[in-house]
N, C-alpha and C. Protein backbone atom coordinates (compact mmCIF):
# COMPACT_ATOMS: atom_id res chain seq x y z
N UNK A 1 0.98 -1.26 -0.14
CA UNK A 1 0.10 -0.09 -0.10
C UNK A 1 0.87 1.02 0.26
N UNK A 2 0.38 2.25 -0.85
CA UNK A 2 1.31 3.37 -0.77
C UNK A 2 1.20 4.29 0.08
N UNK A 3 2.11 5.29 0.53
CA UNK A 3 2.11 6.36 1.60
C UNK A 3 0.83 7.35 0.94
N UNK A 4 -0.15 7.78 1.89
CA UNK A 4 -0.87 8.86 1.51
C UNK A 4 -0.65 10.11 2.50
N UNK A 5 0.31 10.85 2.10
CA UNK A 5 0.49 11.84 3.24
C UNK A 5 0.90 13.13 2.58
N UNK A 6 0.50 13.42 1.06
CA UNK A 6 0.48 14.82 0.58
C UNK A 6 -0.78 15.57 0.86
N UNK A 7 -0.58 16.53 1.29
CA UNK A 7 -1.69 17.55 1.87
C UNK A 7 -1.59 18.80 0.97
N UNK A 8 -2.36 19.21 0.47
CA UNK A 8 -2.56 20.85 -0.19
C UNK A 8 -3.23 21.71 0.73
N UNK A 9 -2.50 22.66 0.95
CA UNK A 9 -3.41 23.68 1.68
C UNK A 9 -3.63 24.90 0.63
N UNK A 10 -4.84 24.84 0.81
CA UNK A 10 -5.40 26.26 -0.12
C UNK A 10 -6.21 27.16 0.83
N UNK A 11 -5.63 28.45 0.45
CA UNK A 11 -5.98 29.53 1.12
C UNK A 11 -6.68 30.46 0.24
N UNK A 12 -7.97 31.03 0.61
CA UNK A 12 -8.60 31.74 -0.23
C UNK A 12 -8.36 33.43 -0.09
N UNK A 13 -9.40 34.11 -0.84
CA UNK A 13 -9.40 35.49 -0.30
C UNK A 13 -9.04 36.12 0.95
N UNK A 14 -7.91 37.06 0.77
CA UNK A 14 -7.82 37.87 1.70
C UNK A 14 -6.89 37.20 2.90
N UNK A 15 -6.89 35.87 2.77
CA UNK A 15 -5.91 35.08 3.56
C UNK A 15 -4.44 35.54 3.83
N UNK A 16 -4.03 36.19 2.52
CA UNK A 16 -2.53 36.31 2.60
C UNK A 16 -2.51 38.05 3.28
N UNK A 17 -3.60 38.45 3.84
CA UNK A 17 -3.69 39.68 4.57
C UNK A 17 -3.47 39.60 6.08
N UNK A 18 -3.36 38.32 6.46
CA UNK A 18 -3.15 37.94 8.10
C UNK A 18 -2.26 38.87 8.36
N UNK A 19 -2.07 39.23 9.60
CA UNK A 19 -1.27 40.14 10.32
C UNK A 19 -1.67 41.86 10.39
N UNK A 20 -2.43 42.01 9.23
CA UNK A 20 -3.24 43.28 8.83
C UNK A 20 -4.55 43.43 9.47
N UNK A 21 -5.04 42.07 9.23
CA UNK A 21 -6.79 42.12 9.71
C UNK A 21 -7.17 42.02 11.09
N UNK A 22 -8.03 42.23 11.61
CA UNK A 22 -8.45 42.19 13.05
C UNK A 22 -7.94 40.92 13.73
N UNK A 23 -6.96 41.45 14.69
CA UNK A 23 -6.17 40.31 15.33
C UNK A 23 -7.19 39.47 16.15
N UNK A 24 -8.27 40.24 16.96
CA UNK A 24 -9.08 39.48 17.71
C UNK A 24 -10.00 38.43 17.17
N UNK A 25 -10.18 38.57 15.64
CA UNK A 25 -11.01 37.70 14.93
C UNK A 25 -10.07 36.77 14.29
N UNK A 26 -8.92 37.04 13.82
CA UNK A 26 -7.89 36.40 12.97
C UNK A 26 -6.60 35.88 13.53
N UNK A 27 -6.32 36.52 14.82
CA UNK A 27 -5.05 36.10 15.48
C UNK A 27 -4.22 36.96 14.95
N UNK A 28 -3.05 36.90 15.72
CA UNK A 28 -1.79 37.85 15.45
C UNK A 28 -0.90 37.39 14.38
N UNK A 29 -0.93 36.17 13.87
CA UNK A 29 0.11 35.70 12.94
C UNK A 29 0.04 36.46 11.70
N UNK A 30 1.25 36.45 10.83
CA UNK A 30 1.37 36.72 9.66
C UNK A 30 1.03 35.83 8.70
N UNK A 31 0.85 35.86 7.66
CA UNK A 31 0.39 34.51 6.52
C UNK A 31 1.62 33.53 6.55
N UNK A 32 2.72 34.00 6.35
CA UNK A 32 4.07 33.45 6.47
C UNK A 32 4.18 32.54 7.51
N UNK A 33 3.93 33.13 8.97
CA UNK A 33 3.98 32.43 9.98
C UNK A 33 3.19 31.30 10.35
N UNK A 34 1.77 31.68 9.79
CA UNK A 34 0.83 30.57 9.76
C UNK A 34 1.31 29.33 8.82
N UNK A 35 1.77 29.60 7.67
CA UNK A 35 2.27 28.29 6.83
C UNK A 35 3.50 27.81 7.41
N UNK A 36 4.26 28.56 8.08
CA UNK A 36 5.41 27.94 8.90
C UNK A 36 4.95 26.98 9.94
N UNK A 37 3.91 27.54 10.65
CA UNK A 37 3.39 26.53 11.74
C UNK A 37 2.61 25.43 10.93
N UNK A 38 1.90 25.69 10.06
CA UNK A 38 1.19 24.46 9.57
C UNK A 38 2.19 23.40 8.95
N UNK A 39 3.21 23.83 8.16
CA UNK A 39 4.11 22.86 7.96
C UNK A 39 4.74 22.04 9.01
N UNK A 40 5.04 22.70 10.15
CA UNK A 40 5.88 21.98 11.34
C UNK A 40 4.76 20.89 11.98
N UNK A 41 3.69 21.55 12.01
CA UNK A 41 2.44 20.53 12.68
C UNK A 41 2.43 19.34 11.65
N UNK A 42 2.51 19.58 10.41
CA UNK A 42 2.22 18.42 9.34
C UNK A 42 3.43 17.44 9.55
N UNK A 43 4.51 18.02 9.54
CA UNK A 43 5.80 17.34 9.51
C UNK A 43 5.66 16.42 10.90
N UNK A 44 5.36 16.90 11.71
CA UNK A 44 5.22 16.00 13.07
C UNK A 44 4.05 14.72 12.76
N UNK A 45 3.21 14.93 12.14
CA UNK A 45 2.25 13.93 11.65
C UNK A 45 2.72 12.83 10.51
N UNK A 46 3.82 13.51 10.02
CA UNK A 46 4.29 12.25 8.98
C UNK A 46 3.82 13.09 7.60
N UNK A 47 3.12 14.11 7.49
CA UNK A 47 2.35 14.73 6.18
C UNK A 47 3.29 15.70 5.54
N UNK A 48 3.35 15.81 4.39
CA UNK A 48 4.02 16.63 3.47
C UNK A 48 2.85 17.59 2.88
N UNK A 49 3.33 19.18 3.00
CA UNK A 49 2.43 19.82 2.26
C UNK A 49 3.02 20.60 1.11
N UNK A 50 1.74 21.25 0.71
CA UNK A 50 2.22 22.15 -0.63
C UNK A 50 0.95 23.44 -0.25
N UNK A 51 1.71 24.47 -0.82
CA UNK A 51 0.59 25.58 -0.10
C UNK A 51 0.11 26.35 -1.43
N UNK A 52 -1.26 27.00 -1.52
CA UNK A 52 -1.82 27.55 -2.45
C UNK A 52 -2.29 28.66 -1.97
N UNK A 53 -2.39 29.88 -2.40
CA UNK A 53 -3.23 31.05 -1.60
C UNK A 53 -3.33 32.17 -3.13
N UNK A 54 -4.65 32.57 -3.48
CA UNK A 54 -4.95 33.51 -4.43
C UNK A 54 -6.35 34.52 -4.07
N UNK A 55 -6.08 35.49 -4.33
CA UNK A 55 -7.35 36.41 -4.28
C UNK A 55 -8.37 36.54 -5.59
N UNK A 56 -8.06 35.60 -6.35
CA UNK A 56 -8.88 35.73 -7.40
C UNK A 56 -9.67 33.92 -7.64
N UNK A 57 -10.83 34.20 -7.54
CA UNK A 57 -11.76 32.90 -7.72
C UNK A 57 -11.29 31.93 -8.64
N UNK A 58 -11.15 32.49 -10.00
CA UNK A 58 -11.03 31.70 -10.90
C UNK A 58 -9.58 30.74 -10.93
N UNK A 59 -8.60 31.31 -10.32
CA UNK A 59 -7.31 31.02 -9.71
C UNK A 59 -7.55 29.60 -8.98
N UNK A 60 -8.46 29.87 -7.84
CA UNK A 60 -8.50 28.82 -7.10
C UNK A 60 -9.48 27.72 -7.74
N UNK A 61 -10.22 28.01 -8.45
CA UNK A 61 -10.94 26.97 -9.22
C UNK A 61 -10.15 26.11 -10.09
N UNK A 62 -9.17 26.80 -11.06
CA UNK A 62 -8.16 26.18 -11.79
C UNK A 62 -7.14 25.24 -11.00
N UNK A 63 -6.76 25.73 -9.82
CA UNK A 63 -5.60 24.98 -8.95
C UNK A 63 -6.54 23.73 -8.52
N UNK A 64 -7.82 23.78 -8.11
CA UNK A 64 -8.44 22.48 -7.51
C UNK A 64 -8.30 21.35 -8.76
N UNK A 65 -8.60 22.05 -10.06
CA UNK A 65 -8.51 21.16 -11.26
C UNK A 65 -7.32 20.34 -11.22
N UNK A 66 -6.07 21.19 -10.86
CA UNK A 66 -5.06 20.45 -11.35
C UNK A 66 -4.46 19.27 -10.22
N UNK A 67 -5.18 19.07 -9.08
CA UNK A 67 -4.75 18.40 -8.02
C UNK A 67 -4.69 16.98 -8.20
N UNK A 68 -5.19 16.41 -9.22
CA UNK A 68 -5.48 14.80 -9.35
C UNK A 68 -4.13 14.35 -9.46
N UNK A 69 -3.57 13.36 -8.49
CA UNK A 69 -2.33 12.64 -8.80
C UNK A 69 -1.24 13.82 -7.97
N UNK A 70 -1.62 14.83 -7.81
CA UNK A 70 -0.54 15.72 -6.64
C UNK A 70 -0.80 15.61 -5.30
N UNK A 71 -2.10 15.46 -4.88
CA UNK A 71 -2.28 15.65 -3.45
C UNK A 71 -2.92 14.37 -3.02
N UNK A 72 -3.03 13.83 -1.71
CA UNK A 72 -3.86 12.70 -1.14
C UNK A 72 -5.31 13.34 -0.34
N UNK A 73 -4.85 14.56 0.06
CA UNK A 73 -5.76 15.26 0.83
C UNK A 73 -5.81 16.87 0.98
N UNK A 74 -6.78 17.49 1.28
CA UNK A 74 -7.04 18.89 1.21
C UNK A 74 -7.28 19.60 2.50
N UNK A 75 -6.73 20.75 3.00
CA UNK A 75 -7.63 21.71 3.61
C UNK A 75 -7.57 22.71 3.07
N UNK A 76 -8.93 23.64 3.22
CA UNK A 76 -9.24 24.45 2.30
C UNK A 76 -10.06 25.50 3.00
N UNK A 77 -9.21 26.65 3.33
CA UNK A 77 -9.96 27.84 3.84
C UNK A 77 -10.35 28.94 2.87
N UNK A 78 -11.44 28.68 2.25
CA UNK A 78 -11.98 29.76 0.97
C UNK A 78 -12.24 31.09 1.56
N UNK A 79 -12.35 31.67 2.69
CA UNK A 79 -12.48 32.75 3.10
C UNK A 79 -13.65 33.27 2.98
N UNK A 80 -13.88 34.40 2.33
CA UNK A 80 -15.48 34.89 2.16
C UNK A 80 -16.41 33.76 0.81
N UNK A 81 -15.59 33.39 0.08
CA UNK A 81 -16.07 32.60 -0.85
C UNK A 81 -16.70 31.42 -0.12
N UNK A 82 -16.42 31.04 0.64
CA UNK A 82 -17.15 29.95 1.60
C UNK A 82 -18.73 29.83 1.64
N UNK A 83 -18.89 31.20 1.63
CA UNK A 83 -20.40 31.49 1.80
C UNK A 83 -21.55 31.42 0.24
N UNK A 84 -20.71 31.66 -0.74
CA UNK A 84 -21.41 32.02 -1.65
C UNK A 84 -20.93 31.21 -3.09
N UNK A 85 -19.54 30.68 -3.33
CA UNK A 85 -18.75 30.53 -4.40
C UNK A 85 -19.40 28.92 -4.94
N UNK A 86 -20.18 29.06 -5.66
CA UNK A 86 -20.92 27.56 -6.28
C UNK A 86 -19.89 26.92 -7.23
N UNK A 87 -18.81 27.74 -7.85
CA UNK A 87 -17.96 27.24 -8.65
C UNK A 87 -16.80 26.68 -7.88
N UNK A 88 -16.42 27.33 -6.66
CA UNK A 88 -15.58 26.59 -5.86
C UNK A 88 -16.05 25.20 -5.25
N UNK A 89 -17.26 25.44 -4.86
CA UNK A 89 -17.85 24.17 -4.39
C UNK A 89 -17.95 23.09 -5.48
N UNK A 90 -18.13 23.24 -6.82
CA UNK A 90 -18.18 22.35 -8.05
C UNK A 90 -16.91 22.02 -8.15
N UNK A 91 -15.77 22.83 -8.19
CA UNK A 91 -14.30 22.28 -8.26
C UNK A 91 -13.81 21.52 -7.20
N UNK A 92 -14.09 21.76 -5.98
CA UNK A 92 -13.88 20.76 -4.96
C UNK A 92 -14.39 19.62 -4.98
N UNK A 93 -15.77 19.38 -5.65
CA UNK A 93 -16.27 17.93 -6.10
C UNK A 93 -15.33 17.30 -6.86
N UNK A 94 -14.97 18.35 -8.26
CA UNK A 94 -14.44 17.57 -9.26
C UNK A 94 -12.86 17.02 -8.69
N UNK A 95 -12.36 17.72 -7.75
CA UNK A 95 -11.05 17.36 -7.16
C UNK A 95 -11.38 15.95 -6.47
N UNK A 96 -12.30 15.60 -6.00
CA UNK A 96 -12.76 14.39 -5.30
C UNK A 96 -11.63 13.98 -4.41
N UNK A 97 -11.04 14.76 -3.63
CA UNK A 97 -9.81 14.73 -2.54
C UNK A 97 -10.73 14.61 -1.38
N UNK A 98 -10.45 14.11 -0.20
CA UNK A 98 -10.83 13.97 0.94
C UNK A 98 -10.54 15.63 1.43
N UNK A 99 -11.30 16.20 2.03
CA UNK A 99 -11.15 17.46 2.33
C UNK A 99 -11.62 18.25 3.84
N UNK A 100 -10.83 18.98 4.37
CA UNK A 100 -11.38 19.52 5.44
C UNK A 100 -11.64 21.09 5.39
N UNK A 101 -12.75 21.75 5.81
CA UNK A 101 -12.66 23.22 5.79
C UNK A 101 -12.32 23.89 6.98
N UNK A 102 -11.59 24.88 6.83
CA UNK A 102 -11.00 25.45 7.94
C UNK A 102 -11.01 26.73 8.04
N UNK A 103 -11.66 27.45 9.30
CA UNK A 103 -11.77 28.94 9.25
C UNK A 103 -10.92 29.40 10.61
N UNK A 104 -10.04 30.19 10.71
CA UNK A 104 -9.83 31.28 11.80
C UNK A 104 -10.96 31.55 12.75
N UNK A 105 -11.73 32.34 12.52
CA UNK A 105 -12.67 32.82 13.19
C UNK A 105 -14.05 31.71 13.31
N UNK A 106 -14.78 31.95 14.27
CA UNK A 106 -15.98 31.23 14.46
C UNK A 106 -17.09 31.62 13.72
N UNK A 107 -17.13 30.97 12.61
CA UNK A 107 -18.01 31.75 11.40
C UNK A 107 -19.50 31.56 12.01
N UNK A 108 -19.69 30.52 12.87
CA UNK A 108 -21.21 30.33 13.42
C UNK A 108 -21.51 31.54 14.27
N UNK A 109 -20.35 32.19 15.13
CA UNK A 109 -20.98 33.19 16.02
C UNK A 109 -20.66 34.75 15.28
N UNK A 110 -20.41 34.63 13.71
CA UNK A 110 -20.35 36.06 13.34
C UNK A 110 -21.60 36.31 12.61
N UNK A 111 -21.71 37.15 11.51
CA UNK A 111 -22.91 37.79 10.75
C UNK A 111 -23.73 36.29 10.40
N UNK A 112 -24.78 36.44 10.05
CA UNK A 112 -25.74 35.52 9.49
C UNK A 112 -25.34 35.09 8.18
N UNK A 113 -24.89 36.00 7.37
CA UNK A 113 -24.44 35.44 5.91
C UNK A 113 -23.33 34.50 6.15
N UNK A 114 -22.55 34.81 7.34
CA UNK A 114 -21.32 33.70 7.17
C UNK A 114 -21.73 32.31 7.62
N UNK A 115 -22.58 32.11 8.23
CA UNK A 115 -22.87 30.72 8.75
C UNK A 115 -23.15 29.91 8.35
N UNK A 116 -23.31 29.86 6.70
CA UNK A 116 -23.68 28.99 5.91
C UNK A 116 -22.28 28.56 4.86
N UNK A 117 -22.23 27.29 4.46
CA UNK A 117 -21.10 27.26 3.95
C UNK A 117 -21.57 26.23 2.48
N UNK A 118 -20.99 26.80 1.58
CA UNK A 118 -21.60 26.08 0.41
C UNK A 118 -20.64 24.90 -0.18
N UNK A 119 -19.29 24.81 0.50
CA UNK A 119 -18.34 23.68 0.29
C UNK A 119 -18.49 22.59 1.53
N UNK A 120 -19.23 23.11 2.40
CA UNK A 120 -19.22 21.91 3.50
C UNK A 120 -19.60 20.47 3.12
N UNK A 121 -20.70 20.36 2.11
CA UNK A 121 -21.12 19.17 1.81
C UNK A 121 -20.13 18.35 1.12
N UNK A 122 -18.72 18.86 0.83
CA UNK A 122 -17.71 18.23 -0.01
C UNK A 122 -16.80 18.12 0.74
N UNK A 123 -16.97 18.38 2.16
CA UNK A 123 -15.81 18.12 3.28
C UNK A 123 -15.98 16.96 4.20
N UNK A 124 -15.16 16.57 4.91
CA UNK A 124 -15.30 15.55 5.96
C UNK A 124 -15.42 16.02 7.40
N UNK A 125 -15.15 17.58 7.33
CA UNK A 125 -15.49 18.16 8.53
C UNK A 125 -15.22 19.73 8.33
N UNK A 126 -15.50 20.39 9.22
CA UNK A 126 -15.33 21.98 9.18
C UNK A 126 -14.69 22.21 10.67
N UNK A 127 -13.26 22.85 10.96
CA UNK A 127 -12.93 23.37 11.91
C UNK A 127 -13.10 24.94 11.95
N UNK A 128 -13.59 25.44 12.66
CA UNK A 128 -13.62 27.05 12.78
C UNK A 128 -13.53 27.22 14.32
N UNK A 129 -12.92 28.70 14.31
CA UNK A 129 -12.94 29.52 15.94
C UNK A 129 -11.67 28.87 16.52
N UNK A 130 -10.89 28.10 16.02
CA UNK A 130 -9.99 27.84 16.72
C UNK A 130 -8.51 28.53 16.60
N UNK A 131 -8.56 29.58 15.58
CA UNK A 131 -7.26 30.36 15.13
C UNK A 131 -6.56 29.46 14.43
N UNK A 132 -5.20 29.76 14.26
CA UNK A 132 -4.42 28.78 13.81
C UNK A 132 -4.58 27.30 14.24
N UNK A 133 -4.59 27.26 15.41
CA UNK A 133 -4.48 25.66 16.02
C UNK A 133 -5.72 24.69 15.28
N UNK A 134 -6.58 25.48 14.68
CA UNK A 134 -7.63 24.83 14.10
C UNK A 134 -7.04 24.08 12.83
N UNK A 135 -5.55 24.53 12.23
CA UNK A 135 -5.21 23.86 11.17
C UNK A 135 -4.36 22.55 11.63
N UNK A 136 -3.89 22.56 12.81
CA UNK A 136 -3.52 21.43 13.51
C UNK A 136 -4.58 20.64 13.86
N UNK A 137 -5.73 20.76 14.38
CA UNK A 137 -6.83 19.88 14.26
C UNK A 137 -7.16 19.24 13.08
N UNK A 138 -7.29 20.23 11.87
CA UNK A 138 -7.69 19.72 10.78
C UNK A 138 -6.63 18.52 9.78
N UNK A 139 -5.39 18.90 9.98
CA UNK A 139 -4.31 18.33 9.90
C UNK A 139 -4.49 16.79 10.34
N UNK A 140 -4.88 16.70 11.63
CA UNK A 140 -5.47 15.38 12.46
C UNK A 140 -6.41 14.69 11.85
N UNK A 141 -7.32 15.32 11.68
CA UNK A 141 -8.61 14.90 11.20
C UNK A 141 -8.41 14.17 9.61
N UNK A 142 -7.43 15.01 8.91
CA UNK A 142 -7.25 14.29 7.49
C UNK A 142 -6.35 13.11 7.38
N UNK A 143 -5.01 13.14 8.52
CA UNK A 143 -4.20 12.04 8.48
C UNK A 143 -5.38 10.70 8.80
N UNK A 144 -6.19 10.84 9.98
CA UNK A 144 -6.84 9.98 10.50
C UNK A 144 -7.65 9.39 9.26
N UNK A 145 -8.27 10.05 8.43
CA UNK A 145 -9.01 9.82 7.29
C UNK A 145 -7.90 9.00 6.39
N UNK A 146 -7.07 9.30 5.96
CA UNK A 146 -6.17 8.76 5.09
C UNK A 146 -5.56 7.47 5.47
N UNK A 147 -5.28 7.34 7.05
CA UNK A 147 -4.71 6.42 7.69
C UNK A 147 -5.78 4.91 7.95
N UNK A 148 -6.99 5.70 7.99
CA UNK A 148 -8.59 4.79 8.07
C UNK A 148 -8.26 3.31 7.41
């Protein structure tokens, strides 16, 4: 049996602005520091990571289309696209990878429009409101699924 440990980390709109956004909502880490932490956590779990971030919806869709054969699992934080991008939802379905949806803030405690995810039905789980540590939890979930 081949090792399944390649995890694609996909960040959507405005995630590259961490460190400039409201700290109480998104934490104080810069985007680069967040990716560094994710890499360290993944390494501890025997996972390898690749990262992708874009502020352009079509680029995210195109990227999901390219993942066949390159990744065994996916962590996705679509940002605000979570709530309305049917194109990203469909691309996630096409990618057909086990995925975990991640949000730094607790979207269920925010504005009403943020409480609905159009991508959730193509994800194993959603981790929300745990700040950067949510990515560690999501990595554990995806590893358990891949090892399952």
